[in-house]
């Protein structure tokens, strides 16, 4: 049974949270897309990328599937921007692909992927940001929506095995800007899995979070993966 995050309509604060389990006999892809370039442009860029991911064939799993997705989604976003006379629009992407025995990950921008295993948390994605910040936030060096004439995108790619009881967290910077990695680790390790996504969200909001926050948590169990997704729109 495949499960997807359901984004709230414009004007709604929360999406409908999803909790469930899926088998590992088939390949499964999960992703977070955090748009930029103004609210409507950013939402459209994220929508284009998410739609492309949902339609991606997952047969013959390899890193080339994720590379192809990034190239195609980048082209579609750039074409939409050109057709609609939009100067800048784009989205981060953080993808986690589960096959029967391995994971494959891919990211551009500053949406992150963490693995929590045996009491320790590790960021397994790579941030694409300049060292110097602009208005307190370092600008992105890579994202979906960069015209090929300006720069070639280079997604970060990695692969590895997964183990029972591992927890994977995919999230936008709306979470990590407000909650430290140490605190995220503490919550993942001390709370019942069905509540950890909600607990992380509440922690970010309690710390003053106002940006869009998207959270996907995946826990490896015997023969299946437990999923919990949450999304909250920016509070004006």
Protein backbone atom coordinates (compact mmCIF):
# COMPACT_ATOMS: atom_id res chain seq x y z
CA UNK A 1 0.00 0.00 0.00
CA UNK A 2 1.59 3.27 -1.09
CA UNK A 3 1.07 6.37 1.05
CA UNK A 4 1.51 10.00 0.09
CA UNK A 5 1.57 13.26 1.97
CA UNK A 6 -1.54 15.33 1.23
CA UNK A 7 -0.73 19.03 1.06
CA UNK A 8 -3.28 21.45 2.48
CA UNK A 9 -5.06 23.82 0.15
CA UNK A 10 -4.06 27.47 0.13
CA UNK A 11 -5.28 29.09 3.32
CA UNK A 12 -5.22 25.89 5.35
CA UNK A 13 -2.60 25.54 8.06
CA UNK A 14 -2.17 21.77 8.17
CA UNK A 15 -2.33 18.89 5.78
CA UNK A 16 -3.98 15.65 6.78
CA UNK A 17 -1.31 13.59 8.58
CA UNK A 18 -0.69 10.11 7.25
CA UNK A 19 0.44 7.08 9.23
CA UNK A 20 0.73 3.59 7.84
CA UNK A 21 2.95 0.72 6.79
CA UNK A 22 4.16 -0.48 3.41
CA UNK A 23 5.85 -3.69 2.32
CA UNK A 24 9.43 -3.74 1.07
CA UNK A 25 8.82 -6.24 -1.72
CA UNK A 26 8.41 -3.33 -4.14
CA UNK A 27 10.53 -0.21 -4.56
CA UNK A 28 9.26 2.89 -2.74
CA UNK A 29 10.20 6.54 -3.24
CA UNK A 30 9.71 9.34 -0.68
CA UNK A 31 10.58 12.98 -1.17
CA UNK A 32 10.42 16.50 0.22
CA UNK A 33 10.28 19.55 -2.07
CA UNK A 34 10.60 23.06 -0.63
CA UNK A 35 9.81 25.73 -3.22
CA UNK A 36 11.41 29.16 -3.63
CA UNK A 37 10.92 32.27 -5.75
CA UNK A 38 7.82 33.70 -4.09
CA UNK A 39 4.93 31.74 -2.61
CA UNK A 40 3.03 30.89 -5.81
CA UNK A 41 6.16 30.29 -7.91
CA UNK A 42 7.72 28.16 -5.20
CA UNK A 43 4.59 26.09 -4.75
CA UNK A 44 4.37 25.51 -8.50
CA UNK A 45 8.03 24.44 -8.72
CA UNK A 46 7.55 22.01 -5.84
CA UNK A 47 4.33 20.71 -7.43
CA UNK A 48 6.02 20.11 -10.79
CA UNK A 49 8.86 18.21 -9.11
CA UNK A 50 6.56 16.18 -6.85
CA UNK A 51 4.35 15.23 -9.78
CA UNK A 52 7.39 14.12 -11.79
CA UNK A 53 8.55 11.99 -8.85
CA UNK A 54 5.14 10.36 -8.41
CA UNK A 55 5.10 9.33 -12.07
CA UNK A 56 8.67 8.01 -12.13
CA UNK A 57 9.03 4.33 -12.98
CA UNK A 58 10.95 2.50 -10.26
CA UNK A 59 11.85 -0.64 -12.16
CA UNK A 60 15.52 -1.56 -12.32
CA UNK A 61 16.48 0.57 -9.31
CA UNK A 62 19.77 2.43 -9.51
CA UNK A 63 21.15 5.90 -8.93
CA UNK A 64 20.50 6.68 -12.59
CA UNK A 65 16.75 6.75 -11.83
CA UNK A 66 17.31 9.64 -9.42
CA UNK A 67 19.70 11.40 -11.80
CA UNK A 68 17.14 11.15 -14.61
CA UNK A 69 14.41 12.47 -12.33
CA UNK A 70 16.47 15.55 -11.41
CA UNK A 71 17.34 16.31 -15.03
CA UNK A 72 13.73 15.94 -16.19
CA UNK A 73 12.20 17.88 -13.28
CA UNK A 74 14.75 20.66 -13.70
CA UNK A 75 13.89 20.94 -17.39
CA UNK A 76 10.12 21.01 -16.70
CA UNK A 77 10.48 23.76 -14.09
CA UNK A 78 12.70 25.85 -16.38
CA UNK A 79 10.26 25.44 -19.27
CA UNK A 80 7.34 26.51 -17.06
CA UNK A 81 9.28 29.58 -15.89
CA UNK A 82 10.15 30.56 -19.46
CA UNK A 83 6.60 30.07 -20.76
CA UNK A 84 5.20 32.21 -17.93
CA UNK A 85 7.92 34.92 -17.96
CA UNK A 86 9.10 34.06 -14.44
CA UNK A 87 12.64 35.15 -13.64
CA UNK A 88 13.29 32.89 -10.67
CA UNK A 89 11.51 29.80 -9.41
CA UNK A 90 12.83 26.58 -8.03
CA UNK A 91 12.63 23.95 -5.36
CA UNK A 92 14.90 21.91 -3.17
CA UNK A 93 14.61 18.14 -3.40
CA UNK A 94 15.45 15.37 -0.95
CA UNK A 95 14.60 11.88 -2.20
CA UNK A 96 14.91 8.52 -0.47
CA UNK A 97 14.36 5.38 -2.54
CA UNK A 98 13.90 2.05 -0.78
CA UNK A 99 14.57 -1.16 -2.69
CA UNK A 100 14.30 -4.63 -1.21
CA UNK A 101 17.80 -4.54 0.27
CA UNK A 102 19.24 -1.02 -0.19
CA UNK A 103 18.46 2.66 -0.05
CA UNK A 104 19.35 5.25 -2.67
CA UNK A 105 19.25 8.94 -1.84
CA UNK A 106 19.49 12.14 -3.82
CA UNK A 107 19.30 15.80 -2.85
CA UNK A 108 19.72 19.36 -4.09
CA UNK A 109 19.51 22.38 -1.81
CA UNK A 110 19.07 22.36 1.96
CA UNK A 111 16.22 19.93 2.58
CA UNK A 112 17.80 17.18 4.63
CA UNK A 113 17.80 13.41 5.13
CA UNK A 114 18.86 11.92 8.47
CA UNK A 115 19.36 8.34 9.61
CA UNK A 116 18.81 7.52 13.28
CA UNK A 117 20.34 4.16 14.21
CA UNK A 118 21.28 2.62 17.55
CA UNK A 119 21.00 5.90 19.42
CA UNK A 120 23.00 7.98 16.93
CA UNK A 121 21.84 10.42 14.25
CA UNK A 122 23.72 11.18 11.02
CA UNK A 123 22.81 13.56 8.20
CA UNK A 124 23.21 11.44 5.07
CA UNK A 125 22.29 14.17 2.58
CA UNK A 126 24.61 17.04 1.63
CA UNK A 127 23.65 20.72 1.83
CA UNK A 128 24.23 22.89 -1.23
CA UNK A 129 24.74 26.36 0.27
CA UNK A 130 27.24 29.21 0.14
CA UNK A 131 29.29 29.75 3.28
CA UNK A 132 28.20 33.38 3.64
CA UNK A 133 24.62 34.09 4.67
CA UNK A 134 22.22 36.61 3.18
CA UNK A 135 19.74 37.99 5.73
CA UNK A 136 20.77 35.23 8.10
CA UNK A 137 20.26 32.43 5.57
CA UNK A 138 23.02 31.07 3.30
CA UNK A 139 21.89 31.06 -0.35
CA UNK A 140 21.55 27.78 -2.22
CA UNK A 141 24.12 26.76 -4.80
CA UNK A 142 22.05 23.91 -6.25
CA UNK A 143 18.31 23.34 -6.67
CA UNK A 144 15.76 22.28 -9.27
CA UNK A 145 14.97 25.20 -11.57
CA UNK A 146 18.44 26.33 -12.65
CA UNK A 147 18.54 26.90 -16.44
CA UNK A 148 21.21 24.69 -18.06
CA UNK A 149 22.59 27.80 -19.77
CA UNK A 150 23.47 29.21 -16.33
CA UNK A 151 24.72 26.15 -14.49
CA UNK A 152 24.63 22.37 -14.66
CA UNK A 153 22.99 20.82 -11.62
CA UNK A 154 24.95 18.17 -9.72
CA UNK A 155 22.70 16.24 -7.31
CA UNK A 156 24.31 14.60 -4.32
CA UNK A 157 23.88 10.83 -4.61
CA UNK A 158 24.54 8.04 -2.15
CA UNK A 159 23.51 4.45 -1.50
CA UNK A 160 23.74 2.00 1.37
CA UNK A 161 22.02 -0.78 3.26
CA UNK A 162 19.31 -0.34 5.88
CA UNK A 163 18.62 -2.28 9.04
CA UNK A 164 15.66 -3.12 11.23
CA UNK A 165 14.75 -0.33 13.69
CA UNK A 166 16.56 2.37 11.67
CA UNK A 167 14.57 5.61 11.38
CA UNK A 168 14.92 7.92 8.37
CA UNK A 169 13.83 11.55 8.52
CA UNK A 170 13.31 13.67 5.39
CA UNK A 171 12.49 17.29 6.13
CA UNK A 172 12.51 20.88 4.92
CA UNK A 173 14.62 23.57 6.56
CA UNK A 174 11.49 24.78 8.33
CA UNK A 175 12.28 22.02 10.83
CA UNK A 176 16.08 22.12 10.99
CA UNK A 177 16.24 25.93 11.26
CA UNK A 178 14.20 25.70 14.46
CA UNK A 179 15.26 22.38 16.02
CA UNK A 180 18.87 21.30 16.55
CA UNK A 181 20.15 17.97 15.29
CA UNK A 182 20.79 16.93 18.89
CA UNK A 183 17.19 17.67 19.84
CA UNK A 184 15.89 15.86 16.76
CA UNK A 185 17.94 12.83 17.80
CA UNK A 186 16.52 12.98 21.31
CA UNK A 187 12.94 13.06 20.04
CA UNK A 188 13.49 10.24 17.54
CA UNK A 189 15.03 8.08 20.24
CA UNK A 190 12.63 8.74 23.10
CA UNK A 191 9.13 9.01 21.61
CA UNK A 192 6.81 6.34 20.18
CA UNK A 193 7.28 6.28 16.42
CA UNK A 194 3.66 7.20 15.53
CA UNK A 195 4.09 10.51 17.41
CA UNK A 196 7.63 11.57 16.44
CA UNK A 197 6.68 13.60 13.35
CA UNK A 198 4.03 15.51 15.30
CA UNK A 199 6.44 16.00 18.21
CA UNK A 200 9.11 17.41 15.87
CA UNK A 201 6.56 19.75 14.31
CA UNK A 202 5.37 21.01 17.68
CA UNK A 203 8.98 21.57 18.76
CA UNK A 204 9.67 23.70 15.67
CA UNK A 205 6.52 25.77 16.21
CA UNK A 206 7.29 26.24 19.90
CA UNK A 207 10.70 27.61 18.91
CA UNK A 208 9.11 30.24 16.67
CA UNK A 209 8.91 28.38 13.37
CA UNK A 210 6.89 30.17 10.68
CA UNK A 211 8.31 28.71 7.47
CA UNK A 212 6.72 25.79 5.63
CA UNK A 213 7.54 22.60 7.52
CA UNK A 214 7.45 19.21 5.83
CA UNK A 215 8.37 16.04 7.70
CA UNK A 216 8.49 12.42 6.55
CA UNK A 217 9.62 9.73 8.98
CA UNK A 218 10.25 6.12 7.94
CA UNK A 219 11.02 3.31 10.38
CA UNK A 220 12.36 -0.02 9.20
CA UNK A 221 10.49 -2.98 10.66
CA UNK A 222 10.53 -6.62 9.70
CA UNK A 223 9.21 -6.94 6.14
CA UNK A 224 7.71 -3.45 6.09
CA UNK A 225 8.38 0.26 6.54
CA UNK A 226 6.34 2.45 8.89
CA UNK A 227 5.56 5.90 7.51
CA UNK A 228 4.42 9.18 9.06
CA UNK A 229 4.06 12.39 7.03
CA UNK A 230 3.21 15.93 8.12
CA UNK A 231 3.02 19.28 6.33
CA UNK A 232 2.28 22.75 7.68
CA UNK A 233 1.99 25.85 5.54
CA UNK A 234 3.73 29.08 6.40
CA UNK A 235 1.94 31.13 9.01
CA UNK A 236 1.46 34.75 7.96
